[in-house]
């Protein structure tokens, strides 16, 4: 996890443009994650963004929920500095911390994350699911826009091929793709079905994968509403 923080901190200034080339369908990916927050029709007043990076997901949330208070947590201070610039003049709270550490105090109407939790080991992912549930308000939602593994090795290879072709169409260079593939060697991807099961076992309801393209997927699960 420390290596991931260092790498992303080093690339903070060019992160937005690079991510657009390496995440084909970026607008739909982030847009779906932000849209899910309103599915139950409850007010979205306070949102925690885990592994917030330069604030791209928070920006998508802010565009749809302009009155929401945003709390951004990331291990890399340079990334959060970029987020403050992106979201200005909106006031927000930034927290430099590891997702393995205690989360900011709730309650939150939503907890979101994009392309961050796959840096955690499986046990830490499951622990985070439980800690997120604890800081959600009743009826609140956890939305994870994530990088996932295919359920079989054959599909994993096809998924990788499809992603590379789509990245080239978005203008990614071979050098950028080679660097991305090298960074991904340290990622700890988990398949969709396993992650949905973990959310249900943690106590979330109405759990589903609401978006998927190649190895990018958006999961959502709600804390049960108050009786």
Protein backbone atom coordinates (compact mmCIF):
# COMPACT_ATOMS: atom_id res chain seq x y z
CA UNK A 1 0.00 0.00 0.00
CA UNK A 2 2.87 2.39 0.79
CA UNK A 3 4.32 1.85 -2.71
CA UNK A 4 0.94 2.63 -4.28
CA UNK A 5 0.70 5.88 -2.32
CA UNK A 6 4.20 6.90 -3.44
CA UNK A 7 3.51 6.12 -7.11
CA UNK A 8 0.24 8.04 -7.21
CA UNK A 9 1.73 11.00 -5.35
CA UNK A 10 4.49 11.22 -7.96
CA UNK A 11 1.94 11.27 -10.80
CA UNK A 12 -0.56 13.65 -9.19
CA UNK A 13 -0.15 16.57 -11.67
CA UNK A 14 -0.90 14.49 -14.80
CA UNK A 15 -3.27 12.04 -13.12
CA UNK A 16 -6.54 13.22 -14.69
CA UNK A 17 -5.42 13.02 -18.29
CA UNK A 18 -3.68 9.70 -17.73
CA UNK A 19 -6.69 8.14 -16.03
CA UNK A 20 -8.94 9.20 -18.92
CA UNK A 21 -6.69 7.27 -21.31
CA UNK A 22 -6.42 4.20 -19.08
CA UNK A 23 -10.08 3.94 -18.01
CA UNK A 24 -12.12 3.67 -21.21
CA UNK A 25 -15.64 4.94 -20.59
CA UNK A 26 -14.43 7.07 -17.69
CA UNK A 27 -17.48 9.36 -17.63
CA UNK A 28 -19.91 6.44 -17.49
CA UNK A 29 -17.81 4.71 -14.82
CA UNK A 30 -17.72 7.70 -12.46
CA UNK A 31 -21.15 8.92 -13.49
CA UNK A 32 -22.81 5.63 -12.60
CA UNK A 33 -21.11 5.62 -9.20
CA UNK A 34 -22.40 9.12 -8.48
CA UNK A 35 -25.92 8.42 -9.74
CA UNK A 36 -26.35 5.43 -7.42
CA UNK A 37 -26.32 7.72 -4.37
CA UNK A 38 -29.83 8.97 -5.18
CA UNK A 39 -31.51 5.63 -5.90
CA UNK A 40 -33.39 5.45 -2.60
CA UNK A 41 -34.49 9.08 -2.81
CA UNK A 42 -32.88 9.98 0.52
CA UNK A 43 -31.02 13.29 0.98
CA UNK A 44 -27.29 13.08 0.28
CA UNK A 45 -25.94 15.49 2.86
CA UNK A 46 -22.55 14.04 3.81
CA UNK A 47 -20.25 11.87 1.67
CA UNK A 48 -16.93 10.19 2.49
CA UNK A 49 -14.60 9.45 -0.45
CA UNK A 50 -12.03 6.74 0.36
CA UNK A 51 -8.77 6.78 -1.59
CA UNK A 52 -10.06 10.02 -3.09
CA UNK A 53 -6.92 10.81 -5.06
CA UNK A 54 -7.28 14.01 -7.08
CA UNK A 55 -11.02 14.18 -6.42
CA UNK A 56 -12.42 12.88 -9.70
CA UNK A 57 -15.18 10.82 -8.10
CA UNK A 58 -15.93 13.56 -5.58
CA UNK A 59 -16.32 15.97 -8.49
CA UNK A 60 -18.87 13.66 -10.09
CA UNK A 61 -20.71 13.42 -6.77
CA UNK A 62 -20.62 17.20 -6.30
CA UNK A 63 -22.08 17.84 -9.74
CA UNK A 64 -25.12 15.71 -8.89
CA UNK A 65 -25.37 16.60 -5.18
CA UNK A 66 -24.14 20.21 -4.91
CA UNK A 67 -25.28 20.62 -1.29
CA UNK A 68 -23.41 17.56 0.00
CA UNK A 69 -20.56 17.98 2.48
CA UNK A 70 -17.53 16.13 1.11
CA UNK A 71 -14.85 14.42 3.20
CA UNK A 72 -11.90 13.13 1.14
CA UNK A 73 -9.46 10.57 2.56
CA UNK A 74 -6.22 9.56 0.84
CA UNK A 75 -2.74 8.50 1.83
CA UNK A 76 -1.04 10.96 -0.55
CA UNK A 77 -1.17 14.63 0.41
CA UNK A 78 -0.21 15.83 -3.13
CA UNK A 79 -3.25 14.06 -4.52
CA UNK A 80 -5.55 15.76 -2.03
CA UNK A 81 -3.97 19.12 -2.90
CA UNK A 82 -4.97 18.47 -6.51
CA UNK A 83 -8.48 17.59 -5.31
CA UNK A 84 -8.80 20.90 -3.49
CA UNK A 85 -7.92 22.73 -6.71
CA UNK A 86 -10.33 20.64 -8.79
CA UNK A 87 -13.24 21.19 -6.39
CA UNK A 88 -12.58 24.86 -5.59
CA UNK A 89 -14.33 27.02 -4.48
CA UNK A 90 -16.34 24.26 -2.78
CA UNK A 91 -15.33 23.76 0.84
CA UNK A 92 -14.33 20.24 1.74
CA UNK A 93 -12.49 18.30 4.41
CA UNK A 94 -9.35 16.36 3.48
CA UNK A 95 -7.84 13.62 5.62
CA UNK A 96 -4.36 12.17 4.95
CA UNK A 97 -4.69 8.60 6.19
CA UNK A 98 -4.56 4.95 5.20
CA UNK A 99 -7.87 3.15 4.60
CA UNK A 100 -6.71 0.53 7.11
CA UNK A 101 -6.85 3.17 9.84
CA UNK A 102 -9.94 4.42 11.67
CA UNK A 103 -12.39 6.13 9.35
CA UNK A 104 -13.64 9.68 9.93
CA UNK A 105 -16.59 9.78 12.29
CA UNK A 106 -20.00 9.25 10.73
CA UNK A 107 -22.77 9.22 10.05
CA UNK A 108 -22.40 9.52 6.27
CA UNK A 109 -25.26 9.25 3.81
CA UNK A 110 -22.83 7.70 1.36
CA UNK A 111 -19.31 6.32 1.33
CA UNK A 112 -17.70 6.10 -2.10
CA UNK A 113 -14.40 4.93 -3.50
CA UNK A 114 -12.81 4.70 -6.95
CA UNK A 115 -9.89 2.51 -8.00
CA UNK A 116 -8.37 2.36 -4.54
CA UNK A 117 -9.61 -0.63 -2.54
CA UNK A 118 -7.95 -3.14 -4.89
CA UNK A 119 -4.64 -2.18 -3.26
CA UNK A 120 -5.79 -3.94 -0.05
CA UNK A 121 -5.44 -7.61 0.78
CA UNK A 122 -8.70 -9.61 0.85
CA UNK A 123 -8.90 -9.61 4.65
CA UNK A 124 -8.42 -5.84 4.71
CA UNK A 125 -11.10 -5.39 2.03
CA UNK A 126 -13.59 -7.32 4.13
CA UNK A 127 -12.63 -5.41 7.26
CA UNK A 128 -13.13 -2.13 5.40
CA UNK A 129 -16.60 -3.24 4.27
CA UNK A 130 -17.57 -3.69 7.93
CA UNK A 131 -16.04 -0.39 9.06
CA UNK A 132 -17.80 1.49 6.26
CA UNK A 133 -21.12 -0.05 7.28
CA UNK A 134 -20.54 1.23 10.81
CA UNK A 135 -20.15 4.87 9.70
CA UNK A 136 -23.09 4.84 7.28
CA UNK A 137 -26.39 6.33 8.35
CA UNK A 138 -29.36 3.91 8.23
CA UNK A 139 -30.30 3.59 4.59
CA UNK A 140 -26.91 4.96 3.51
CA UNK A 141 -25.03 3.50 0.55
CA UNK A 142 -21.50 2.23 -0.06
CA UNK A 143 -20.45 2.61 -3.71
CA UNK A 144 -17.16 1.13 -4.88
CA UNK A 145 -16.03 1.88 -8.44
CA UNK A 146 -13.35 -0.73 -8.68
CA UNK A 147 -10.88 -2.68 -10.77
CA UNK A 148 -11.77 -6.38 -10.69
CA UNK A 149 -10.50 -9.78 -11.76
CA UNK A 150 -12.45 -11.96 -14.16
CA UNK A 151 -13.85 -15.23 -12.71
CA UNK A 152 -11.61 -17.46 -14.90
CA UNK A 153 -8.10 -17.19 -16.29
CA UNK A 154 -9.41 -17.37 -19.87
CA UNK A 155 -11.79 -14.48 -19.28
CA UNK A 156 -9.05 -12.55 -17.50
CA UNK A 157 -6.91 -12.76 -20.63
CA UNK A 158 -9.80 -11.65 -22.86
CA UNK A 159 -10.63 -8.85 -20.45
CA UNK A 160 -7.03 -7.62 -20.55
CA UNK A 161 -6.99 -7.72 -24.37
CA UNK A 162 -10.24 -5.76 -24.59
CA UNK A 163 -9.00 -3.15 -22.13
CA UNK A 164 -5.71 -2.65 -23.98
CA UNK A 165 -7.52 -2.19 -27.30
CA UNK A 166 -9.93 0.33 -25.74
CA UNK A 167 -7.06 2.27 -24.14
CA UNK A 168 -5.30 2.57 -27.49
CA UNK A 169 -8.51 3.97 -28.97
CA UNK A 170 -8.50 6.59 -26.18
CA UNK A 171 -4.98 7.63 -27.18
CA UNK A 172 -2.86 5.77 -24.61
CA UNK A 173 0.72 5.29 -25.72
CA UNK A 174 2.52 1.96 -25.58
CA UNK A 175 4.79 3.42 -22.89
CA UNK A 176 1.76 4.39 -20.78
CA UNK A 177 0.25 0.94 -21.21
CA UNK A 178 3.52 -0.77 -20.27
CA UNK A 179 3.77 1.38 -17.14
CA UNK A 180 0.15 0.64 -16.24
CA UNK A 181 0.68 -3.10 -16.66
CA UNK A 182 3.75 -2.92 -14.44
CA UNK A 183 1.83 -1.04 -11.72
CA UNK A 184 -1.00 -3.56 -11.94
CA UNK A 185 1.39 -6.38 -11.01
CA UNK A 186 1.09 -5.18 -7.41
CA UNK A 187 -2.72 -4.88 -7.50
CA UNK A 188 -4.86 -7.35 -5.55
CA UNK A 189 -7.91 -7.77 -7.77
CA UNK A 190 -10.96 -9.75 -6.67
CA UNK A 191 -13.77 -10.98 -8.90
CA UNK A 192 -17.25 -9.44 -8.92
CA UNK A 193 -19.18 -12.31 -7.37
CA UNK A 194 -16.79 -12.63 -4.44
CA UNK A 195 -17.01 -8.93 -3.65
CA UNK A 196 -20.81 -8.94 -3.83
CA UNK A 197 -20.88 -11.89 -1.44
CA UNK A 198 -18.56 -10.12 0.98
CA UNK A 199 -20.86 -7.10 1.06
CA UNK A 200 -23.91 -9.26 1.80
CA UNK A 201 -22.04 -11.14 4.52
CA UNK A 202 -21.03 -7.82 6.12
CA UNK A 203 -24.70 -6.85 6.43
CA UNK A 204 -25.43 -4.74 3.35
CA UNK A 205 -28.74 -5.14 1.51
CA UNK A 206 -29.78 -4.66 -2.14
CA UNK A 207 -26.22 -5.45 -3.16
CA UNK A 208 -25.50 -5.37 -6.87
CA UNK A 209 -22.97 -4.66 -9.61
CA UNK A 210 -24.53 -1.72 -11.45
CA UNK A 211 -21.83 -1.17 -14.09
CA UNK A 212 -19.06 -3.22 -15.70
CA UNK A 213 -16.74 -2.69 -18.65
CA UNK A 214 -13.72 -4.97 -18.96
CA UNK A 215 -12.10 -4.93 -15.50
CA UNK A 216 -13.89 -1.80 -14.26
CA UNK A 217 -17.01 -2.38 -12.18
CA UNK A 218 -19.25 -0.40 -9.84
CA UNK A 219 -20.67 -2.16 -6.77
CA UNK A 220 -23.31 -0.80 -4.43
CA UNK A 221 -24.81 -1.95 -1.16
CA UNK A 222 -27.01 -0.19 1.40
CA UNK A 223 -27.06 -0.22 5.16
CA UNK A 224 -30.52 -1.46 6.18
CA UNK A 225 -32.88 1.43 6.96
CA UNK A 226 -33.92 2.06 10.54
CA UNK A 227 -36.84 -0.06 11.72
